[in-house]
Amino acid sequence: MHYGDNKPKYKRWAIYCALLAIAVLLQNSMGGILDFFGARVFLSIPLCVAIAMFEREVPAAVFGVFAGALWDVSSGVDGFNALVLMVICAVSSLFISHLMRNNIITSFVLGAGGIASYELVYFVTRFWGSGNPVRQIFSFYLPSLLVTLVFVPLCYMVVKSVYNSYRIAE
């Protein structure tokens, strides 16, 4: 493969964008396709983290902004999701680049950390001081974290297969 032949990378990125759009559509659908007993599955977070594990820091941050912007548009939020997902993706990519190995266990660790970070920042910035915070944590946020963790290995395996299918030979 000669220098400048980036078609596999662009195909991979197009597939990632389609997967992120589907994930945001599923998690924000009106019928509650991914809602289980009052807990909500935040499918775009583990998918963004999985993508960030296979891409460099800047593309990972861009995919985080893309997914967050789609999430913001579909939920009517003011850019919060784009900013938080950008940071989560950039940090996940940095961890894989410099500290961790890229495998299913680290995807679970980074996925859990990303979901917990998102929920903590969302809770502190949006709902701190309103109602009973302990009740909100145990009735919505903790169950949502646990239900979303089920999808982390699936997201990792899908992204890994896409990455391996469209990898540029080095």
N, C-alpha and C. Protein backbone atom coordinates (compact mmCIF):
# COMPACT_ATOMS: atom_id res chain seq x y z
N MET A 1 0.85 -1.17 0.00
CA MET A 1 0.00 0.00 0.00
C MET A 1 0.90 1.24 0.00
N HIS A 2 0.66 2.15 -0.90
CA HIS A 2 1.52 3.31 -0.98
C HIS A 2 1.03 4.43 -0.07
N TYR A 3 1.92 5.39 0.14
CA TYR A 3 1.61 6.51 1.02
C TYR A 3 0.41 7.28 0.48
N GLY A 4 -0.51 7.61 1.34
CA GLY A 4 -1.67 8.41 0.95
C GLY A 4 -2.89 7.58 0.60
N ASP A 5 -2.79 6.26 0.66
CA ASP A 5 -3.94 5.42 0.37
C ASP A 5 -4.73 5.23 1.66
N ASN A 6 -5.64 6.14 1.92
CA ASN A 6 -6.39 6.15 3.18
C ASN A 6 -7.83 5.68 3.03
N LYS A 7 -8.16 5.05 1.92
CA LYS A 7 -9.54 4.62 1.72
C LYS A 7 -10.06 3.69 2.82
N PRO A 8 -9.26 2.72 3.27
CA PRO A 8 -9.78 1.86 4.36
C PRO A 8 -10.08 2.66 5.63
N LYS A 9 -9.25 3.65 5.92
CA LYS A 9 -9.49 4.46 7.12
C LYS A 9 -10.78 5.25 6.99
N TYR A 10 -11.02 5.81 5.81
CA TYR A 10 -12.24 6.60 5.62
C TYR A 10 -13.48 5.72 5.63
N LYS A 11 -13.37 4.51 5.09
CA LYS A 11 -14.50 3.57 5.16
C LYS A 11 -14.78 3.19 6.61
N ARG A 12 -13.73 2.95 7.36
CA ARG A 12 -13.88 2.62 8.79
C ARG A 12 -14.55 3.76 9.53
N TRP A 13 -14.11 4.98 9.26
CA TRP A 13 -14.70 6.13 9.94
C TRP A 13 -16.17 6.32 9.55
N ALA A 14 -16.50 6.05 8.29
CA ALA A 14 -17.90 6.15 7.87
C ALA A 14 -18.77 5.12 8.60
N ILE A 15 -18.23 3.93 8.77
CA ILE A 15 -18.97 2.89 9.50
C ILE A 15 -19.13 3.30 10.96
N TYR A 16 -18.08 3.87 11.55
CA TYR A 16 -18.18 4.35 12.93
C TYR A 16 -19.27 5.42 13.06
N CYS A 17 -19.32 6.34 12.10
CA CYS A 17 -20.36 7.39 12.15
C CYS A 17 -21.75 6.79 12.05
N ALA A 18 -21.92 5.79 11.19
CA ALA A 18 -23.23 5.14 11.07
C ALA A 18 -23.59 4.40 12.36
N LEU A 19 -22.62 3.71 12.95
CA LEU A 19 -22.88 3.01 14.22
C LEU A 19 -23.25 3.99 15.32
N LEU A 20 -22.56 5.12 15.39
CA LEU A 20 -22.88 6.13 16.41
C LEU A 20 -24.27 6.71 16.19
N ALA A 21 -24.63 6.96 14.94
CA ALA A 21 -25.97 7.49 14.65
C ALA A 21 -27.05 6.49 15.06
N ILE A 22 -26.82 5.22 14.78
CA ILE A 22 -27.79 4.19 15.17
C ILE A 22 -27.88 4.09 16.69
N ALA A 23 -26.73 4.16 17.36
CA ALA A 23 -26.72 4.06 18.83
C ALA A 23 -27.49 5.22 19.46
N VAL A 24 -27.26 6.43 18.96
CA VAL A 24 -27.98 7.59 19.50
C VAL A 24 -29.47 7.49 19.20
N LEU A 25 -29.80 7.01 18.02
CA LEU A 25 -31.21 6.82 17.66
C LEU A 25 -31.88 5.80 18.58
N LEU A 26 -31.21 4.70 18.85
CA LEU A 26 -31.78 3.67 19.73
C LEU A 26 -31.93 4.16 21.17
N GLN A 27 -30.92 4.88 21.67
CA GLN A 27 -30.98 5.28 23.08
C GLN A 27 -31.95 6.43 23.31
N ASN A 28 -32.25 7.20 22.30
CA ASN A 28 -33.15 8.35 22.48
C ASN A 28 -34.49 8.16 21.80
N SER A 29 -34.83 6.93 21.43
CA SER A 29 -36.11 6.69 20.78
C SER A 29 -37.26 6.91 21.76
N MET A 30 -38.37 7.35 21.22
CA MET A 30 -39.52 7.68 22.06
C MET A 30 -40.15 6.44 22.70
N GLY A 31 -40.03 5.30 22.07
CA GLY A 31 -40.63 4.09 22.61
C GLY A 31 -39.86 3.47 23.75
N GLY A 32 -38.69 3.99 24.02
CA GLY A 32 -37.89 3.43 25.09
C GLY A 32 -37.40 2.03 24.79
N ILE A 33 -36.84 1.85 23.58
CA ILE A 33 -36.38 0.53 23.15
C ILE A 33 -35.35 -0.03 24.14
N LEU A 34 -34.46 0.82 24.61
CA LEU A 34 -33.39 0.36 25.50
C LEU A 34 -33.59 0.77 26.95
N ASP A 35 -34.83 0.90 27.37
CA ASP A 35 -35.11 1.20 28.77
C ASP A 35 -35.56 -0.07 29.48
N PHE A 36 -34.93 -0.35 30.61
CA PHE A 36 -35.24 -1.55 31.37
C PHE A 36 -35.59 -1.17 32.81
N PHE A 37 -36.85 -1.30 33.18
CA PHE A 37 -37.31 -1.09 34.55
C PHE A 37 -36.90 0.28 35.09
N GLY A 38 -37.06 1.30 34.28
CA GLY A 38 -36.73 2.65 34.71
C GLY A 38 -35.27 3.03 34.52
N ALA A 39 -34.43 2.09 34.16
CA ALA A 39 -33.02 2.38 33.90
C ALA A 39 -32.84 2.60 32.40
N ARG A 40 -32.00 3.53 32.06
CA ARG A 40 -31.79 3.89 30.67
C ARG A 40 -30.42 3.40 30.21
N VAL A 41 -30.35 2.85 29.03
CA VAL A 41 -29.08 2.41 28.46
C VAL A 41 -28.49 3.56 27.66
N PHE A 42 -27.31 3.99 28.05
CA PHE A 42 -26.59 5.03 27.33
C PHE A 42 -25.64 4.35 26.36
N LEU A 43 -26.15 3.86 25.25
CA LEU A 43 -25.40 3.03 24.32
C LEU A 43 -24.28 3.78 23.63
N SER A 44 -24.43 5.07 23.44
CA SER A 44 -23.39 5.81 22.71
C SER A 44 -22.10 5.96 23.53
N ILE A 45 -22.17 5.90 24.84
CA ILE A 45 -20.95 6.05 25.65
C ILE A 45 -20.01 4.85 25.47
N PRO A 46 -20.46 3.60 25.68
CA PRO A 46 -19.52 2.50 25.45
C PRO A 46 -19.07 2.37 24.00
N LEU A 47 -19.91 2.77 23.06
CA LEU A 47 -19.51 2.73 21.66
C LEU A 47 -18.43 3.77 21.38
N CYS A 48 -18.59 4.97 21.94
CA CYS A 48 -17.56 6.01 21.78
C CYS A 48 -16.24 5.58 22.42
N VAL A 49 -16.31 4.99 23.59
CA VAL A 49 -15.10 4.55 24.27
C VAL A 49 -14.42 3.44 23.46
N ALA A 50 -15.19 2.53 22.90
CA ALA A 50 -14.61 1.46 22.09
C ALA A 50 -13.94 2.02 20.84
N ILE A 51 -14.56 2.98 20.21
CA ILE A 51 -13.95 3.62 19.04
C ILE A 51 -12.67 4.34 19.44
N ALA A 52 -12.70 5.02 20.57
CA ALA A 52 -11.52 5.75 21.05
C ALA A 52 -10.37 4.80 21.36
N MET A 53 -10.66 3.58 21.71
CA MET A 53 -9.61 2.62 22.01
C MET A 53 -8.84 2.20 20.75
N PHE A 54 -9.45 2.34 19.59
CA PHE A 54 -8.80 1.93 18.35
C PHE A 54 -8.33 3.10 17.49
N GLU A 55 -8.64 4.31 17.87
CA GLU A 55 -8.23 5.48 17.10
C GLU A 55 -7.29 6.34 17.93
N ARG A 56 -6.59 7.24 17.26
CA ARG A 56 -5.70 8.18 17.95
C ARG A 56 -6.55 9.22 18.68
N GLU A 57 -5.89 10.13 19.40
CA GLU A 57 -6.58 11.06 20.30
C GLU A 57 -7.50 12.02 19.56
N VAL A 58 -7.00 12.63 18.48
CA VAL A 58 -7.81 13.64 17.78
C VAL A 58 -9.03 13.01 17.10
N PRO A 59 -8.87 11.93 16.31
CA PRO A 59 -10.09 11.32 15.76
C PRO A 59 -11.04 10.82 16.84
N ALA A 60 -10.50 10.31 17.94
CA ALA A 60 -11.35 9.85 19.03
C ALA A 60 -12.17 11.00 19.59
N ALA A 61 -11.53 12.15 19.80
CA ALA A 61 -12.25 13.32 20.30
C ALA A 61 -13.30 13.80 19.30
N VAL A 62 -12.98 13.72 18.02
CA VAL A 62 -13.95 14.13 16.99
C VAL A 62 -15.15 13.20 16.99
N PHE A 63 -14.92 11.89 17.13
CA PHE A 63 -16.06 10.97 17.21
C PHE A 63 -16.88 11.22 18.47
N GLY A 64 -16.23 11.59 19.57
CA GLY A 64 -16.97 11.96 20.78
C GLY A 64 -17.84 13.18 20.57
N VAL A 65 -17.29 14.19 19.88
CA VAL A 65 -18.08 15.40 19.59
C VAL A 65 -19.24 15.05 18.66
N PHE A 66 -18.98 14.21 17.66
CA PHE A 66 -20.03 13.82 16.73
C PHE A 66 -21.18 13.11 17.45
N ALA A 67 -20.85 12.11 18.26
CA ALA A 67 -21.89 11.38 18.99
C ALA A 67 -22.61 12.29 19.98
N GLY A 68 -21.83 13.13 20.67
CA GLY A 68 -22.45 14.06 21.62
C GLY A 68 -23.35 15.07 20.96
N ALA A 69 -22.94 15.56 19.78
CA ALA A 69 -23.78 16.52 19.06
C ALA A 69 -25.07 15.86 18.59
N LEU A 70 -24.98 14.63 18.10
CA LEU A 70 -26.21 13.91 17.73
C LEU A 70 -27.11 13.72 18.94
N TRP A 71 -26.52 13.39 20.06
CA TRP A 71 -27.27 13.20 21.29
C TRP A 71 -27.90 14.51 21.74
N ASP A 72 -27.15 15.60 21.64
CA ASP A 72 -27.68 16.92 22.01
C ASP A 72 -28.85 17.32 21.12
N VAL A 73 -28.72 17.08 19.82
CA VAL A 73 -29.79 17.45 18.89
C VAL A 73 -31.04 16.63 19.16
N SER A 74 -30.87 15.34 19.43
CA SER A 74 -32.03 14.48 19.64
C SER A 74 -32.67 14.64 21.01
N SER A 75 -31.93 15.20 21.97
CA SER A 75 -32.51 15.35 23.30
C SER A 75 -32.72 16.81 23.70
N GLY A 76 -32.32 17.73 22.87
CA GLY A 76 -32.58 19.14 23.14
C GLY A 76 -31.70 19.73 24.22
N VAL A 77 -30.46 19.27 24.33
CA VAL A 77 -29.52 19.79 25.33
C VAL A 77 -28.57 20.75 24.63
N ASP A 78 -27.89 21.56 25.40
CA ASP A 78 -27.14 22.70 24.88
C ASP A 78 -25.67 22.46 24.58
N GLY A 79 -25.26 21.28 24.20
CA GLY A 79 -23.87 21.00 23.90
C GLY A 79 -23.13 20.28 25.01
N PHE A 80 -23.82 19.98 26.07
CA PHE A 80 -23.22 19.29 27.21
C PHE A 80 -22.67 17.92 26.80
N ASN A 81 -23.46 17.13 26.09
CA ASN A 81 -23.05 15.78 25.72
C ASN A 81 -21.84 15.78 24.80
N ALA A 82 -21.80 16.73 23.88
CA ALA A 82 -20.66 16.81 22.96
C ALA A 82 -19.37 17.09 23.72
N LEU A 83 -19.42 17.98 24.67
CA LEU A 83 -18.23 18.32 25.44
C LEU A 83 -17.78 17.15 26.32
N VAL A 84 -18.71 16.54 27.02
CA VAL A 84 -18.36 15.45 27.93
C VAL A 84 -17.86 14.23 27.16
N LEU A 85 -18.53 13.87 26.07
CA LEU A 85 -18.08 12.71 25.29
C LEU A 85 -16.74 12.97 24.61
N MET A 86 -16.48 14.21 24.22
CA MET A 86 -15.17 14.53 23.65
C MET A 86 -14.06 14.26 24.66
N VAL A 87 -14.26 14.71 25.90
CA VAL A 87 -13.25 14.51 26.94
C VAL A 87 -13.10 13.02 27.26
N ILE A 88 -14.20 12.31 27.39
CA ILE A 88 -14.15 10.87 27.70
C ILE A 88 -13.40 10.11 26.60
N CYS A 89 -13.68 10.43 25.34
CA CYS A 89 -13.01 9.74 24.24
C CYS A 89 -11.53 10.08 24.17
N ALA A 90 -11.19 11.34 24.33
CA ALA A 90 -9.78 11.72 24.29
C ALA A 90 -8.99 11.07 25.42
N VAL A 91 -9.56 11.05 26.61
CA VAL A 91 -8.88 10.42 27.76
C VAL A 91 -8.76 8.92 27.55
N SER A 92 -9.79 8.28 27.03
CA SER A 92 -9.73 6.83 26.77
C SER A 92 -8.65 6.51 25.75
N SER A 93 -8.56 7.29 24.70
CA SER A 93 -7.53 7.07 23.69
C SER A 93 -6.14 7.29 24.26
N LEU A 94 -5.99 8.30 25.09
CA LEU A 94 -4.70 8.55 25.74
C LEU A 94 -4.30 7.39 26.66
N PHE A 95 -5.26 6.88 27.42
CA PHE A 95 -4.96 5.74 28.29
C PHE A 95 -4.48 4.53 27.48
N ILE A 96 -5.15 4.25 26.36
CA ILE A 96 -4.75 3.10 25.54
C ILE A 96 -3.39 3.37 24.88
N SER A 97 -3.14 4.59 24.47
CA SER A 97 -1.88 4.92 23.81
C SER A 97 -0.69 4.82 24.75
N HIS A 98 -0.88 5.19 26.01
CA HIS A 98 0.27 5.35 26.89
C HIS A 98 0.29 4.45 28.13
N LEU A 99 -0.85 3.96 28.60
CA LEU A 99 -0.86 3.24 29.87
C LEU A 99 -1.42 1.83 29.82
N MET A 100 -2.37 1.57 28.97
CA MET A 100 -3.11 0.31 29.01
C MET A 100 -2.96 -0.45 27.70
N ARG A 101 -3.24 -1.73 27.78
CA ARG A 101 -3.32 -2.55 26.57
C ARG A 101 -4.75 -2.53 26.06
N ASN A 102 -4.89 -2.77 24.79
CA ASN A 102 -6.21 -2.75 24.16
C ASN A 102 -6.78 -4.16 24.17
N ASN A 103 -7.62 -4.45 25.15
CA ASN A 103 -8.29 -5.76 25.21
C ASN A 103 -9.67 -5.58 25.85
N ILE A 104 -10.38 -6.67 25.97
CA ILE A 104 -11.76 -6.63 26.45
C ILE A 104 -11.85 -6.18 27.91
N ILE A 105 -10.85 -6.52 28.71
CA ILE A 105 -10.88 -6.12 30.12
C ILE A 105 -10.70 -4.62 30.26
N THR A 106 -9.75 -4.07 29.51
CA THR A 106 -9.57 -2.61 29.59
C THR A 106 -10.75 -1.87 28.97
N SER A 107 -11.42 -2.49 27.99
CA SER A 107 -12.63 -1.85 27.46
C SER A 107 -13.71 -1.79 28.53
N PHE A 108 -13.79 -2.84 29.34
CA PHE A 108 -14.76 -2.85 30.43
C PHE A 108 -14.42 -1.78 31.48
N VAL A 109 -13.13 -1.67 31.80
CA VAL A 109 -12.69 -0.66 32.78
C VAL A 109 -12.94 0.75 32.25
N LEU A 110 -12.51 1.00 31.01
CA LEU A 110 -12.70 2.34 30.44
C LEU A 110 -14.18 2.64 30.18
N GLY A 111 -14.94 1.62 29.77
CA GLY A 111 -16.37 1.81 29.58
C GLY A 111 -17.08 2.16 30.87
N ALA A 112 -16.77 1.43 31.94
CA ALA A 112 -17.36 1.71 33.24
C ALA A 112 -16.96 3.10 33.73
N GLY A 113 -15.69 3.44 33.54
CA GLY A 113 -15.23 4.77 33.94
C GLY A 113 -15.88 5.87 33.14
N GLY A 114 -16.07 5.64 31.84
CA GLY A 114 -16.72 6.65 30.99
C GLY A 114 -18.18 6.84 31.35
N ILE A 115 -18.88 5.74 31.58
CA ILE A 115 -20.30 5.83 31.94
C ILE A 115 -20.46 6.50 33.31
N ALA A 116 -19.65 6.08 34.27
CA ALA A 116 -19.72 6.67 35.62
C ALA A 116 -19.35 8.15 35.58
N SER A 117 -18.35 8.51 34.80
CA SER A 117 -17.95 9.92 34.69
C SER A 117 -19.07 10.75 34.08
N TYR A 118 -19.67 10.24 33.01
CA TYR A 118 -20.77 10.96 32.37
C TYR A 118 -21.91 11.17 33.35
N GLU A 119 -22.32 10.09 34.02
CA GLU A 119 -23.45 10.20 34.94
C GLU A 119 -23.14 11.12 36.11
N LEU A 120 -21.92 11.08 36.62
CA LEU A 120 -21.55 11.95 37.73
C LEU A 120 -21.56 13.41 37.32
N VAL A 121 -20.96 13.72 36.18
CA VAL A 121 -20.94 15.10 35.71
C VAL A 121 -22.35 15.58 35.40
N TYR A 122 -23.16 14.73 34.77
CA TYR A 122 -24.54 15.11 34.46
C TYR A 122 -25.34 15.36 35.74
N PHE A 123 -25.19 14.48 36.71
CA PHE A 123 -25.92 14.62 37.97
C PHE A 123 -25.52 15.89 38.71
N VAL A 124 -24.21 16.14 38.79
CA VAL A 124 -23.73 17.31 39.53
C VAL A 124 -24.13 18.61 38.83
N THR A 125 -24.05 18.66 37.50
CA THR A 125 -24.35 19.91 36.80
C THR A 125 -25.84 20.15 36.60
N ARG A 126 -26.64 19.10 36.55
CA ARG A 126 -28.06 19.29 36.23
C ARG A 126 -29.00 19.14 37.43
N PHE A 127 -28.70 18.25 38.34
CA PHE A 127 -29.68 17.92 39.37
C PHE A 127 -29.20 18.09 40.79
N TRP A 128 -28.03 18.63 41.00
CA TRP A 128 -27.52 18.77 42.35
C TRP A 128 -28.42 19.72 43.14
N GLY A 129 -28.90 19.27 44.27
CA GLY A 129 -29.74 20.09 45.13
C GLY A 129 -31.21 20.02 44.84
N SER A 130 -31.63 19.25 43.86
CA SER A 130 -33.06 19.15 43.56
C SER A 130 -33.57 17.78 43.98
N GLY A 131 -34.55 17.77 44.83
CA GLY A 131 -35.14 16.52 45.27
C GLY A 131 -34.24 15.76 46.21
N ASN A 132 -34.39 14.46 46.21
CA ASN A 132 -33.62 13.58 47.07
C ASN A 132 -32.49 12.96 46.23
N PRO A 133 -31.24 13.45 46.38
CA PRO A 133 -30.16 12.96 45.51
C PRO A 133 -29.85 11.47 45.72
N VAL A 134 -29.95 10.98 46.94
CA VAL A 134 -29.67 9.57 47.19
C VAL A 134 -30.68 8.70 46.47
N ARG A 135 -31.93 9.09 46.51
CA ARG A 135 -32.97 8.35 45.82
C ARG A 135 -32.74 8.35 44.31
N GLN A 136 -32.35 9.52 43.76
CA GLN A 136 -32.08 9.60 42.33
C GLN A 136 -30.90 8.72 41.93
N ILE A 137 -29.88 8.69 42.75
CA ILE A 137 -28.70 7.87 42.44
C ILE A 137 -29.07 6.40 42.40
N PHE A 138 -29.80 5.93 43.42
CA PHE A 138 -30.11 4.50 43.50
C PHE A 138 -31.30 4.08 42.65
N SER A 139 -32.14 5.01 42.24
CA SER A 139 -33.29 4.63 41.43
C SER A 139 -33.05 4.78 39.94
N PHE A 140 -32.13 5.66 39.53
CA PHE A 140 -31.90 5.85 38.10
C PHE A 140 -30.44 5.69 37.69
N TYR A 141 -29.55 6.41 38.31
CA TYR A 141 -28.17 6.49 37.83
C TYR A 141 -27.40 5.18 38.01
N LEU A 142 -27.46 4.57 39.16
CA LEU A 142 -26.76 3.31 39.37
C LEU A 142 -27.34 2.17 38.52
N PRO A 143 -28.68 2.01 38.45
CA PRO A 143 -29.21 0.98 37.54
C PRO A 143 -28.86 1.25 36.07
N SER A 144 -28.84 2.51 35.67
CA SER A 144 -28.47 2.83 34.28
C SER A 144 -27.02 2.46 34.02
N LEU A 145 -26.15 2.70 34.98
CA LEU A 145 -24.75 2.31 34.85
C LEU A 145 -24.63 0.79 34.68
N LEU A 146 -25.32 0.05 35.51
CA LEU A 146 -25.22 -1.41 35.47
C LEU A 146 -25.80 -1.99 34.19
N VAL A 147 -26.92 -1.44 33.73
CA VAL A 147 -27.53 -1.94 32.50
C VAL A 147 -26.66 -1.60 31.29
N THR A 148 -26.06 -0.43 31.29
CA THR A 148 -25.21 -0.03 30.17
C THR A 148 -23.93 -0.87 30.13
N LEU A 149 -23.43 -1.28 31.28
CA LEU A 149 -22.22 -2.11 31.31
C LEU A 149 -22.40 -3.43 30.57
N VAL A 150 -23.61 -3.90 30.46
CA VAL A 150 -23.87 -5.14 29.73
C VAL A 150 -23.49 -5.00 28.25
N PHE A 151 -23.62 -3.80 27.72
CA PHE A 151 -23.38 -3.56 26.30
C PHE A 151 -21.92 -3.23 25.97
N VAL A 152 -21.07 -3.05 26.99
CA VAL A 152 -19.67 -2.68 26.75
C VAL A 152 -18.93 -3.75 25.93
N PRO A 153 -18.98 -5.04 26.30
CA PRO A 153 -18.27 -6.03 25.48
C PRO A 153 -18.79 -6.13 24.05
N LEU A 154 -20.09 -5.99 23.87
CA LEU A 154 -20.67 -6.04 22.53
C LEU A 154 -20.14 -4.89 21.67
N CYS A 155 -20.13 -3.69 22.24
CA CYS A 155 -19.61 -2.52 21.50
C CYS A 155 -18.15 -2.71 21.16
N TYR A 156 -17.38 -3.23 22.09
CA TYR A 156 -15.95 -3.45 21.85
C TYR A 156 -15.74 -4.44 20.71
N MET A 157 -16.48 -5.53 20.73
CA MET A 157 -16.30 -6.55 19.69
C MET A 157 -16.72 -6.05 18.31
N VAL A 158 -17.78 -5.27 18.24
CA VAL A 158 -18.22 -4.72 16.96
C VAL A 158 -17.17 -3.76 16.42
N VAL A 159 -16.68 -2.86 17.26
CA VAL A 159 -15.68 -1.89 16.81
C VAL A 159 -14.38 -2.59 16.44
N LYS A 160 -13.99 -3.60 17.20
CA LYS A 160 -12.77 -4.34 16.89
C LYS A 160 -12.87 -5.03 15.54
N SER A 161 -14.02 -5.62 15.23
CA SER A 161 -14.19 -6.29 13.94
C SER A 161 -14.17 -5.29 12.79
N VAL A 162 -14.76 -4.12 12.98
CA VAL A 162 -14.71 -3.08 11.95
C VAL A 162 -13.28 -2.60 11.77
N TYR A 163 -12.58 -2.38 12.86
CA TYR A 163 -11.20 -1.92 12.78
C TYR A 163 -10.31 -2.94 12.06
N ASN A 164 -10.47 -4.21 12.40
CA ASN A 164 -9.65 -5.24 11.76
C ASN A 164 -10.00 -5.42 10.28
N SER A 165 -11.24 -5.18 9.92
CA SER A 165 -11.64 -5.31 8.52
C SER A 165 -11.10 -4.19 7.66
N TYR A 166 -10.96 -3.00 8.22
CA TYR A 166 -10.54 -1.82 7.45
C TYR A 166 -9.26 -1.22 8.01
N ARG A 167 -8.33 -2.05 8.37
CA ARG A 167 -7.05 -1.56 8.89
C ARG A 167 -6.11 -1.28 7.73
N ILE A 168 -5.34 -0.22 7.88
CA ILE A 168 -4.34 0.13 6.88
C ILE A 168 -3.08 -0.65 7.20
N ALA A 169 -2.52 -1.33 6.22
CA ALA A 169 -1.29 -2.08 6.44
C ALA A 169 -0.14 -1.12 6.69
N GLU A 170 0.64 -1.42 7.71
CA GLU A 170 1.74 -0.51 8.07
C GLU A 170 3.07 -1.14 7.76
